PDB file of N, CA and C in Angstrom:
ATOM      1  N   MET A   1      -8.225 -30.665  15.207  1.00  0.00           N
ATOM      2  CA  MET A   1      -6.820 -30.829  14.996  1.00  0.00           C
ATOM      3  C   MET A   1      -6.122 -29.535  15.396  1.00  0.00           C
ATOM      4  N   ARG A   2      -6.783 -28.365  15.322  1.00  0.00           N
ATOM      5  CA  ARG A   2      -6.054 -27.078  15.505  1.00  0.00           C
ATOM      6  C   ARG A   2      -6.219 -26.598  16.946  1.00  0.00           C
ATOM      7  N   GLU A   3      -5.527 -27.261  17.878  1.00  0.00           N
ATOM      8  CA  GLU A   3      -5.560 -26.943  19.278  1.00  0.00           C
ATOM      9  C   GLU A   3      -5.024 -25.502  19.568  1.00  0.00           C
ATOM     10  N   GLY A   4      -3.948 -25.128  18.960  1.00  0.00           N
ATOM     11  CA  GLY A   4      -3.395 -23.826  19.096  1.00  0.00           C
ATOM     12  C   GLY A   4      -2.762 -23.393  17.810  1.00  0.00           C
ATOM     13  N   THR A   5      -2.832 -22.122  17.500  1.00  0.00           N
ATOM     14  CA  THR A   5      -2.271 -21.640  16.252  1.00  0.00           C
ATOM     15  C   THR A   5      -1.421 -20.337  16.524  1.00  0.00           C
ATOM     16  N   SER A   6      -0.242 -20.358  15.820  1.00  0.00           N
ATOM     17  CA  SER A   6       0.532 -19.198  15.971  1.00  0.00           C
ATOM     18  C   SER A   6       0.132 -18.027  15.104  1.00  0.00           C
ATOM     19  N   GLY A   7      -1.020 -18.194  14.432  1.00  0.00           N
ATOM     20  CA  GLY A   7      -1.387 -17.268  13.383  1.00  0.00           C
ATOM     21  C   GLY A   7      -0.812 -17.559  12.058  1.00  0.00           C
ATOM     22  N   PHE A   8      -1.018 -16.801  11.132  1.00  0.00           N
ATOM     23  CA  PHE A   8      -0.446 -17.046   9.822  1.00  0.00           C
ATOM     24  C   PHE A   8       0.580 -16.009   9.388  1.00  0.00           C
ATOM     25  N   TRP A   9       1.421 -16.320   8.374  1.00  0.00           N
ATOM     26  CA  TRP A   9       2.320 -15.397   7.896  1.00  0.00           C
ATOM     27  C   TRP A   9       2.229 -15.327   6.359  1.00  0.00           C
ATOM     28  N   ILE A  10       2.651 -14.218   5.767  1.00  0.00           N
ATOM     29  CA  ILE A  10       2.730 -14.107   4.305  1.00  0.00           C
ATOM     30  C   ILE A  10       4.045 -13.577   3.878  1.00  0.00           C
ATOM     31  N   ASN A  11       4.624 -14.125   2.837  1.00  0.00           N
ATOM     32  CA  ASN A  11       5.771 -13.654   2.247  1.00  0.00           C
ATOM     33  C   ASN A  11       5.479 -13.407   0.699  1.00  0.00           C
ATOM     34  N   LYS A  12       6.029 -12.231   0.275  1.00  0.00           N
ATOM     35  CA  LYS A  12       5.792 -11.861  -1.170  1.00  0.00           C
ATOM     36  C   LYS A  12       7.205 -11.646  -1.678  1.00  0.00           C
ATOM     37  N   ILE A  13       7.676 -12.469  -2.616  1.00  0.00           N
ATOM     38  CA  ILE A  13       9.025 -12.447  -3.149  1.00  0.00           C
ATOM     39  C   ILE A  13       8.975 -12.552  -4.683  1.00  0.00           C
ATOM     40  N   ASP A  14       9.466 -11.591  -5.401  1.00  0.00           N
ATOM     41  CA  ASP A  14       9.476 -11.592  -6.809  1.00  0.00           C
ATOM     42  C   ASP A  14       8.130 -11.805  -7.421  1.00  0.00           C
ATOM     43  N   GLY A  15       7.072 -11.276  -6.834  1.00  0.00           N
ATOM     44  CA  GLY A  15       5.718 -11.426  -7.354  1.00  0.00           C
ATOM     45  C   GLY A  15       4.980 -12.693  -6.969  1.00  0.00           C
ATOM     46  N   ALA A  16       5.717 -13.656  -6.371  1.00  0.00           N
ATOM     47  CA  ALA A  16       5.083 -14.871  -5.833  1.00  0.00           C
ATOM     48  C   ALA A  16       4.708 -14.721  -4.397  1.00  0.00           C
ATOM     49  N   ILE A  17       3.698 -15.356  -3.976  1.00  0.00           N
ATOM     50  CA  ILE A  17       3.216 -15.305  -2.563  1.00  0.00           C
ATOM     51  C   ILE A  17       3.204 -16.673  -1.922  1.00  0.00           C
ATOM     52  N   SER A  18       3.669 -16.690  -0.612  1.00  0.00           N
ATOM     53  CA  SER A  18       3.521 -17.865   0.191  1.00  0.00           C
ATOM     54  C   SER A  18       2.737 -17.515   1.484  1.00  0.00           C
ATOM     55  N   ILE A  19       1.913 -18.364   1.832  1.00  0.00           N
ATOM     56  CA  ILE A  19       1.079 -18.127   3.060  1.00  0.00           C
ATOM     57  C   ILE A  19       1.166 -19.370   3.892  1.00  0.00           C
ATOM     58  N   GLY A  20       1.515 -19.226   5.158  1.00  0.00           N
ATOM     59  CA  GLY A  20       1.614 -20.380   6.042  1.00  0.00           C
ATOM     60  C   GLY A  20       1.110 -20.183   7.421  1.00  0.00           C
ATOM     61  N   TYR A  21       1.049 -21.194   8.208  1.00  0.00           N
ATOM     62  CA  TYR A  21       0.744 -21.146   9.589  1.00  0.00           C
ATOM     63  C   TYR A  21       1.247 -22.311  10.324  1.00  0.00           C
ATOM     64  N   GLU A  22       1.352 -22.232  11.635  1.00  0.00           N
ATOM     65  CA  GLU A  22       1.861 -23.369  12.480  1.00  0.00           C
ATOM     66  C   GLU A  22       0.888 -23.541  13.573  1.00  0.00           C
ATOM     67  N   ASP A  23       0.469 -24.841  13.732  1.00  0.00           N
ATOM     68  CA  ASP A  23      -0.396 -25.245  14.787  1.00  0.00           C
ATOM     69  C   ASP A  23       0.507 -26.000  15.805  1.00  0.00           C
ATOM     70  N   TYR A  24       0.197 -25.780  17.104  1.00  0.00           N
ATOM     71  CA  TYR A  24       0.963 -26.408  18.121  1.00  0.00           C
ATOM     72  C   TYR A  24       0.026 -27.143  19.030  1.00  0.00           C
ATOM     73  N   GLY A  25       0.559 -28.147  19.722  1.00  0.00           N
ATOM     74  CA  GLY A  25      -0.184 -29.038  20.628  1.00  0.00           C
ATOM     75  C   GLY A  25      -1.209 -29.812  19.883  1.00  0.00           C
ATOM     76  N   VAL A  26      -0.905 -30.370  18.703  1.00  0.00           N
ATOM     77  CA  VAL A  26      -1.884 -31.082  17.819  1.00  0.00           C
ATOM     78  C   VAL A  26      -1.923 -32.505  18.401  1.00  0.00           C
ATOM     79  N   SER A  27      -3.065 -32.929  18.829  1.00  0.00           N
ATOM     80  CA  SER A  27      -3.255 -34.263  19.481  1.00  0.00           C
ATOM     81  C   SER A  27      -2.932 -35.330  18.517  1.00  0.00           C
ATOM     82  N   GLN A  28      -3.231 -35.174  17.168  1.00  0.00           N
ATOM     83  CA  GLN A  28      -2.943 -36.105  16.102  1.00  0.00           C
ATOM     84  C   GLN A  28      -1.456 -36.359  15.891  1.00  0.00           C
ATOM     85  N   PHE A  29      -0.634 -35.471  16.430  1.00  0.00           N
ATOM     86  CA  PHE A  29       0.793 -35.583  16.307  1.00  0.00           C
ATOM     87  C   PHE A  29       1.363 -35.735  17.697  1.00  0.00           C
ATOM     88  N   GLY A  30       0.644 -36.278  18.576  1.00  0.00           N
ATOM     89  CA  GLY A  30       1.111 -36.534  19.967  1.00  0.00           C
ATOM     90  C   GLY A  30       1.458 -35.266  20.711  1.00  0.00           C
ATOM     91  N   GLY A  31       0.725 -34.185  20.405  1.00  0.00           N
ATOM     92  CA  GLY A  31       0.980 -32.922  21.034  1.00  0.00           C
ATOM     93  C   GLY A  31       2.041 -32.074  20.291  1.00  0.00           C
ATOM     94  N   GLY A  32       2.474 -32.578  19.206  1.00  0.00           N
ATOM     95  CA  GLY A  32       3.558 -31.878  18.482  1.00  0.00           C
ATOM     96  C   GLY A  32       3.001 -30.695  17.659  1.00  0.00           C
ATOM     97  N   CYS A  33       3.858 -30.213  16.713  1.00  0.00           N
ATOM     98  CA  CYS A  33       3.483 -29.038  15.885  1.00  0.00           C
ATOM     99  C   CYS A  33       3.206 -29.523  14.453  1.00  0.00           C
ATOM    100  N   PHE A  34       2.432 -28.703  13.696  1.00  0.00           N
ATOM    101  CA  PHE A  34       2.103 -28.908  12.366  1.00  0.00           C
ATOM    102  C   PHE A  34       2.239 -27.612  11.590  1.00  0.00           C
ATOM    103  N   GLU A  35       2.922 -27.626  10.561  1.00  0.00           N
ATOM    104  CA  GLU A  35       3.091 -26.393   9.735  1.00  0.00           C
ATOM    105  C   GLU A  35       2.633 -26.668   8.360  1.00  0.00           C
ATOM    106  N   LYS A  36       1.886 -25.728   7.718  1.00  0.00           N
ATOM    107  CA  LYS A  36       1.422 -25.751   6.430  1.00  0.00           C
ATOM    108  C   LYS A  36       1.722 -24.487   5.707  1.00  0.00           C
ATOM    109  N   THR A  37       2.278 -24.614   4.465  1.00  0.00           N
ATOM    110  CA  THR A  37       2.578 -23.431   3.641  1.00  0.00           C
ATOM    111  C   THR A  37       2.002 -23.682   2.290  1.00  0.00           C
ATOM    112  N   TYR A  38       1.349 -22.596   1.763  1.00  0.00           N
ATOM    113  CA  TYR A  38       0.812 -22.574   0.336  1.00  0.00           C
ATOM    114  C   TYR A  38       1.669 -21.668  -0.431  1.00  0.00           C
ATOM    115  N   TYR A  39       1.902 -22.064  -1.667  1.00  0.00           N
ATOM    116  CA  TYR A  39       2.782 -21.284  -2.593  1.00  0.00           C
ATOM    117  C   TYR A  39       1.989 -20.984  -3.896  1.00  0.00           C
ATOM    118  N   LEU A  40       1.941 -19.708  -4.234  1.00  0.00           N
ATOM    119  CA  LEU A  40       1.362 -19.245  -5.373  1.00  0.00           C
ATOM    120  C   LEU A  40       2.360 -18.605  -6.251  1.00  0.00           C
ATOM    121  N   ASN A  41       2.507 -19.134  -7.481  1.00  0.00           N
ATOM    122  CA  ASN A  41       3.541 -18.600  -8.385  1.00  0.00           C
ATOM    123  C   ASN A  41       3.139 -17.166  -8.822  1.00  0.00           C
ATOM    124  N   LYS A  42       3.956 -16.459  -9.594  1.00  0.00           N
ATOM    125  CA  LYS A  42       3.692 -15.093  -9.940  1.00  0.00           C
ATOM    126  C   LYS A  42       2.293 -14.916 -10.652  1.00  0.00           C
ATOM    127  N   GLU A  43       2.013 -15.769 -11.645  1.00  0.00           N
ATOM    128  CA  GLU A  43       0.677 -15.683 -12.361  1.00  0.00           C
ATOM    129  C   GLU A  43      -0.455 -15.778 -11.398  1.00  0.00           C
ATOM    130  N   ASN A  44      -0.372 -16.827 -10.571  1.00  0.00           N
ATOM    131  CA  ASN A  44      -1.528 -17.113  -9.649  1.00  0.00           C
ATOM    132  C   ASN A  44      -1.582 -16.121  -8.542  1.00  0.00           C
ATOM    133  N   SER A  45      -0.475 -15.575  -8.146  1.00  0.00           N
ATOM    134  CA  SER A  45      -0.435 -14.422  -7.147  1.00  0.00           C
ATOM    135  C   SER A  45      -1.181 -13.200  -7.666  1.00  0.00           C
ATOM    136  N   LYS A  46      -0.998 -12.896  -8.928  1.00  0.00           N
ATOM    137  CA  LYS A  46      -1.716 -11.750  -9.570  1.00  0.00           C
ATOM    138  C   LYS A  46      -3.242 -12.137  -9.506  1.00  0.00           C
ATOM    139  N   LYS A  47      -3.598 -13.295  -9.816  1.00  0.00           N
ATOM    140  CA  LYS A  47      -5.031 -13.682  -9.852  1.00  0.00           C
ATOM    141  C   LYS A  47      -5.579 -13.622  -8.374  1.00  0.00           C
ATOM    142  N   PHE A  48      -4.822 -14.055  -7.450  1.00  0.00           N
ATOM    143  CA  PHE A  48      -5.230 -14.086  -6.015  1.00  0.00           C
ATOM    144  C   PHE A  48      -5.450 -12.685  -5.523  1.00  0.00           C
ATOM    145  N   LEU A  49      -4.500 -11.768  -5.818  1.00  0.00           N
ATOM    146  CA  LEU A  49      -4.578 -10.366  -5.360  1.00  0.00           C
ATOM    147  C   LEU A  49      -5.807  -9.701  -5.992  1.00  0.00           C
ATOM    148  N   SER A  50      -5.931  -9.877  -7.286  1.00  0.00           N
ATOM    149  CA  SER A  50      -7.098  -9.258  -8.050  1.00  0.00           C
ATOM    150  C   SER A  50      -8.419  -9.791  -7.444  1.00  0.00           C
ATOM    151  N   ALA A  51      -8.571 -11.082  -7.164  1.00  0.00           N
ATOM    152  CA  ALA A  51      -9.821 -11.579  -6.648  1.00  0.00           C
ATOM    153  C   ALA A  51      -9.967 -11.117  -5.147  1.00  0.00           C
ATOM    154  N   LEU A  52      -8.947 -11.030  -4.376  1.00  0.00           N
ATOM    155  CA  LEU A  52      -9.099 -10.503  -3.030  1.00  0.00           C
ATOM    156  C   LEU A  52      -9.606  -9.038  -3.044  1.00  0.00           C
ATOM    157  N   LYS A  53      -9.078  -8.243  -3.926  1.00  0.00           N
ATOM    158  CA  LYS A  53      -9.352  -6.800  -3.986  1.00  0.00           C
ATOM    159  C   LYS A  53     -10.804  -6.547  -4.433  1.00  0.00           C
ATOM    160  N   LYS A  54     -11.393  -7.480  -5.128  1.00  0.00           N
ATOM    161  CA  LYS A  54     -12.824  -7.429  -5.552  1.00  0.00           C
ATOM    162  C   LYS A  54     -13.746  -7.627  -4.350  1.00  0.00           C
ATOM    163  N   GLU A  55     -13.310  -8.267  -3.303  1.00  0.00           N
ATOM    164  CA  GLU A  55     -14.171  -8.589  -2.241  1.00  0.00           C
ATOM    165  C   GLU A  55     -13.762  -7.875  -0.907  1.00  0.00           C
ATOM    166  N   TYR A  56     -12.460  -7.458  -0.785  1.00  0.00           N
ATOM    167  CA  TYR A  56     -11.985  -6.977   0.453  1.00  0.00           C
ATOM    168  C   TYR A  56     -11.148  -5.696   0.290  1.00  0.00           C
ATOM    169  N   LYS A  57     -10.873  -4.967   1.345  1.00  0.00           N
ATOM    170  CA  LYS A  57     -10.073  -3.787   1.323  1.00  0.00           C
ATOM    171  C   LYS A  57      -8.928  -3.927   2.361  1.00  0.00           C
ATOM    172  N   GLY A  58      -7.918  -3.206   2.125  1.00  0.00           N
ATOM    173  CA  GLY A  58      -6.719  -3.197   3.083  1.00  0.00           C
ATOM    174  C   GLY A  58      -5.461  -3.724   2.517  1.00  0.00           C
ATOM    175  N   THR A  59      -4.528  -4.002   3.380  1.00  0.00           N
ATOM    176  CA  THR A  59      -3.273  -4.577   2.986  1.00  0.00           C
ATOM    177  C   THR A  59      -3.510  -6.032   2.585  1.00  0.00           C
ATOM    178  N   LEU A  60      -2.484  -6.667   1.992  1.00  0.00           N
ATOM    179  CA  LEU A  60      -2.619  -8.035   1.687  1.00  0.00           C
ATOM    180  C   LEU A  60      -2.968  -8.851   2.968  1.00  0.00           C
ATOM    181  N   ARG A  61      -2.187  -8.601   4.057  1.00  0.00           N
ATOM    182  CA  ARG A  61      -2.396  -9.324   5.320  1.00  0.00           C
ATOM    183  C   ARG A  61      -3.794  -9.103   5.779  1.00  0.00           C
ATOM    184  N   GLU A  62      -4.304  -7.860   5.764  1.00  0.00           N
ATOM    185  CA  GLU A  62      -5.670  -7.529   6.271  1.00  0.00           C
ATOM    186  C   GLU A  62      -6.729  -8.280   5.429  1.00  0.00           C
ATOM    187  N   MET A  63      -6.508  -8.329   4.097  1.00  0.00           N
ATOM    188  CA  MET A  63      -7.488  -9.017   3.193  1.00  0.00           C
ATOM    189  C   MET A  63      -7.472 -10.467   3.458  1.00  0.00           C
ATOM    190  N   VAL A  64      -6.338 -11.138   3.589  1.00  0.00           N
ATOM    191  CA  VAL A  64      -6.206 -12.556   3.879  1.00  0.00           C
ATOM    192  C   VAL A  64      -6.841 -12.824   5.246  1.00  0.00           C
ATOM    193  N   GLU A  65      -6.574 -12.043   6.297  1.00  0.00           N
ATOM    194  CA  GLU A  65      -7.170 -12.327   7.587  1.00  0.00           C
ATOM    195  C   GLU A  65      -8.702 -12.227   7.545  1.00  0.00           C
ATOM    196  N   THR A  66      -9.179 -11.300   6.832  1.00  0.00           N
ATOM    197  CA  THR A  66     -10.666 -11.072   6.669  1.00  0.00           C
ATOM    198  C   THR A  66     -11.259 -12.248   5.880  1.00  0.00           C
ATOM    199  N   ALA A  67     -10.553 -12.649   4.871  1.00  0.00           N
ATOM    200  CA  ALA A  67     -11.087 -13.717   3.939  1.00  0.00           C
ATOM    201  C   ALA A  67     -11.053 -15.071   4.632  1.00  0.00           C
ATOM    202  N   PHE A  68      -9.978 -15.365   5.187  1.00  0.00           N
ATOM    203  CA  PHE A  68      -9.687 -16.752   5.694  1.00  0.00           C
ATOM    204  C   PHE A  68      -9.528 -16.833   7.210  1.00  0.00           C
ATOM    205  N   GLY A  69      -9.678 -15.844   7.975  1.00  0.00           N
ATOM    206  CA  GLY A  69      -9.577 -15.896   9.438  1.00  0.00           C
ATOM    207  C   GLY A  69      -8.237 -15.667   9.998  1.00  0.00           C
ATOM    208  N   LYS A  70      -8.253 -15.253  11.234  1.00  0.00           N
ATOM    209  CA  LYS A  70      -7.017 -14.949  11.925  1.00  0.00           C
ATOM    210  C   LYS A  70      -6.063 -16.131  12.042  1.00  0.00           C
ATOM    211  N   ASN A  71      -6.707 -17.349  12.158  1.00  0.00           N
ATOM    212  CA  ASN A  71      -5.929 -18.500  12.324  1.00  0.00           C
ATOM    213  C   ASN A  71      -5.840 -19.333  10.976  1.00  0.00           C
ATOM    214  N   PHE A  72      -6.307 -18.720   9.875  1.00  0.00           N
ATOM    215  CA  PHE A  72      -6.311 -19.276   8.493  1.00  0.00           C
ATOM    216  C   PHE A  72      -7.062 -20.585   8.318  1.00  0.00           C
ATOM    217  N   ASN A  73      -8.198 -20.412   7.731  1.00  0.00           N
ATOM    218  CA  ASN A  73      -9.089 -21.518   7.477  1.00  0.00           C
ATOM    219  C   ASN A  73      -8.767 -22.111   6.081  1.00  0.00           C
ATOM    220  N   ASP A  74      -8.158 -23.349   6.084  1.00  0.00           N
ATOM    221  CA  ASP A  74      -7.811 -24.025   4.876  1.00  0.00           C
ATOM    222  C   ASP A  74      -9.050 -24.146   3.898  1.00  0.00           C
ATOM    223  N   PRO A  75     -10.103 -24.785   4.332  1.00  0.00           N
ATOM    224  CA  PRO A  75     -11.224 -24.938   3.357  1.00  0.00           C
ATOM    225  C   PRO A  75     -11.731 -23.633   2.696  1.00  0.00           C
ATOM    226  N   LEU A  76     -11.763 -22.568   3.496  1.00  0.00           N
ATOM    227  CA  LEU A  76     -12.173 -21.262   2.903  1.00  0.00           C
ATOM    228  C   LEU A  76     -11.161 -20.951   1.768  1.00  0.00           C
ATOM    229  N   PHE A  77      -9.857 -21.060   2.052  1.00  0.00           N
ATOM    230  CA  PHE A  77      -8.810 -20.775   1.033  1.00  0.00           C
ATOM    231  C   PHE A  77      -8.965 -21.611  -0.141  1.00  0.00           C
ATOM    232  N   TRP A  78      -9.188 -22.907   0.031  1.00  0.00           N
ATOM    233  CA  TRP A  78      -9.338 -23.848  -1.107  1.00  0.00           C
ATOM    234  C   TRP A  78     -10.520 -23.455  -1.979  1.00  0.00           C
ATOM    235  N   ASP A  79     -11.661 -23.168  -1.327  1.00  0.00           N
ATOM    236  CA  ASP A  79     -12.879 -22.810  -2.064  1.00  0.00           C
ATOM    237  C   ASP A  79     -12.639 -21.482  -2.861  1.00  0.00           C
ATOM    238  N   PHE A  80     -11.969 -20.458  -2.179  1.00  0.00           N
ATOM    239  CA  PHE A  80     -11.698 -19.226  -2.843  1.00  0.00           C
ATOM    240  C   PHE A  80     -10.909 -19.417  -4.036  1.00  0.00           C
ATOM    241  N   CYS A  81      -9.813 -20.259  -3.948  1.00  0.00           N
ATOM    242  CA  CYS A  81      -8.910 -20.534  -5.051  1.00  0.00           C
ATOM    243  C   CYS A  81      -9.681 -21.221  -6.203  1.00  0.00           C
ATOM    244  N   LYS A  82     -10.481 -22.217  -5.854  1.00  0.00           N
ATOM    245  CA  LYS A  82     -11.149 -22.956  -6.861  1.00  0.00           C
ATOM    246  C   LYS A  82     -12.178 -22.063  -7.600  1.00  0.00           C
ATOM    247  N   LYS A  83     -12.845 -21.218  -6.842  1.00  0.00           N
ATOM    248  CA  LYS A  83     -13.833 -20.242  -7.412  1.00  0.00           C
ATOM    249  C   LYS A  83     -13.154 -19.373  -8.418  1.00  0.00           C
ATOM    250  N   ASN A  84     -11.990 -18.906  -8.065  1.00  0.00           N
ATOM    251  CA  ASN A  84     -11.273 -17.900  -8.914  1.00  0.00           C
ATOM    252  C   ASN A  84     -10.169 -18.537  -9.815  1.00  0.00           C
ATOM    253  N   GLU A  85     -10.281 -19.840  -9.945  1.00  0.00           N
ATOM    254  CA  GLU A  85      -9.298 -20.538 -10.837  1.00  0.00           C
ATOM    255  C   GLU A  85      -7.898 -20.296 -10.582  1.00  0.00           C
ATOM    256  N   ILE A  86      -7.512 -20.316  -9.203  1.00  0.00           N
ATOM    257  CA  ILE A  86      -6.125 -20.054  -8.790  1.00  0.00           C
ATOM    258  C   ILE A  86      -5.614 -21.391  -8.355  1.00  0.00           C
ATOM    259  N   THR A  87      -4.433 -21.684  -8.887  1.00  0.00           N
ATOM    260  CA  THR A  87      -3.751 -22.935  -8.448  1.00  0.00           C
ATOM    261  C   THR A  87      -2.553 -22.604  -7.552  1.00  0.00           C
ATOM    262  N   PHE A  88      -2.160 -23.566  -6.758  1.00  0.00           N
ATOM    263  CA  PHE A  88      -1.138 -23.425  -5.721  1.00  0.00           C
ATOM    264  C   PHE A  88      -0.542 -24.732  -5.499  1.00  0.00           C
ATOM    265  N   THR A  89       0.591 -24.756  -4.838  1.00  0.00           N
ATOM    266  CA  THR A  89       1.227 -25.916  -4.351  1.00  0.00           C
ATOM    267  C   THR A  89       1.305 -25.716  -2.779  1.00  0.00           C
ATOM    268  N   SER A  90       1.545 -26.794  -2.127  1.00  0.00           N
ATOM    269  CA  SER A  90       1.617 -26.667  -0.665  1.00  0.00           C
ATOM    270  C   SER A  90       2.661 -27.718  -0.062  1.00  0.00           C
ATOM    271  N   SER A  91       3.128 -27.380   1.166  1.00  0.00           N
ATOM    272  CA  SER A  91       4.018 -28.303   1.849  1.00  0.00           C
ATOM    273  C   SER A  91       3.558 -28.349   3.276  1.00  0.00           C
ATOM    274  N   THR A  92       3.800 -29.460   3.921  1.00  0.00           N
ATOM    275  CA  THR A  92       3.546 -29.584   5.356  1.00  0.00           C
ATOM    276  C   THR A  92       4.776 -30.151   6.139  1.00  0.00           C
ATOM    277  N   TRP A  93       4.762 -29.828   7.341  1.00  0.00           N
ATOM    278  CA  TRP A  93       5.828 -30.335   8.182  1.00  0.00           C
ATOM    279  C   TRP A  93       5.258 -30.564   9.606  1.00  0.00           C
ATOM    280  N   SER A  94       5.636 -31.610  10.251  1.00  0.00           N
ATOM    281  CA  SER A  94       5.161 -31.861  11.618  1.00  0.00           C
ATOM    282  C   SER A  94       6.280 -32.398  12.478  1.00  0.00           C
ATOM    283  N   SER A  95       6.141 -32.202  13.774  1.00  0.00           N
ATOM    284  CA  SER A  95       7.193 -32.671  14.774  1.00  0.00           C
ATOM    285  C   SER A  95       6.573 -33.492  15.808  1.00  0.00           C
TER     286      SER A  95
END
């Protein structure tokens, strides 16, 4: 499904974190785009940062890239969150 990826982005606002990515040229969408964003509330953002810091070093972006890949691997993220009892919501968009 991930024919091309624009990479991922991270936003941190008022203690909450959102992580997203956009794939383009997705054959399942007739060559269109697919965007996924994960949202961690303030409490889960703290748990996420704490868990990342136990395993990785660097800035938030560097730790996320090391943990989940430059193109952001969803299953690795899901497993990491499950292992560390971190909950999140998500949204998707496609064109």
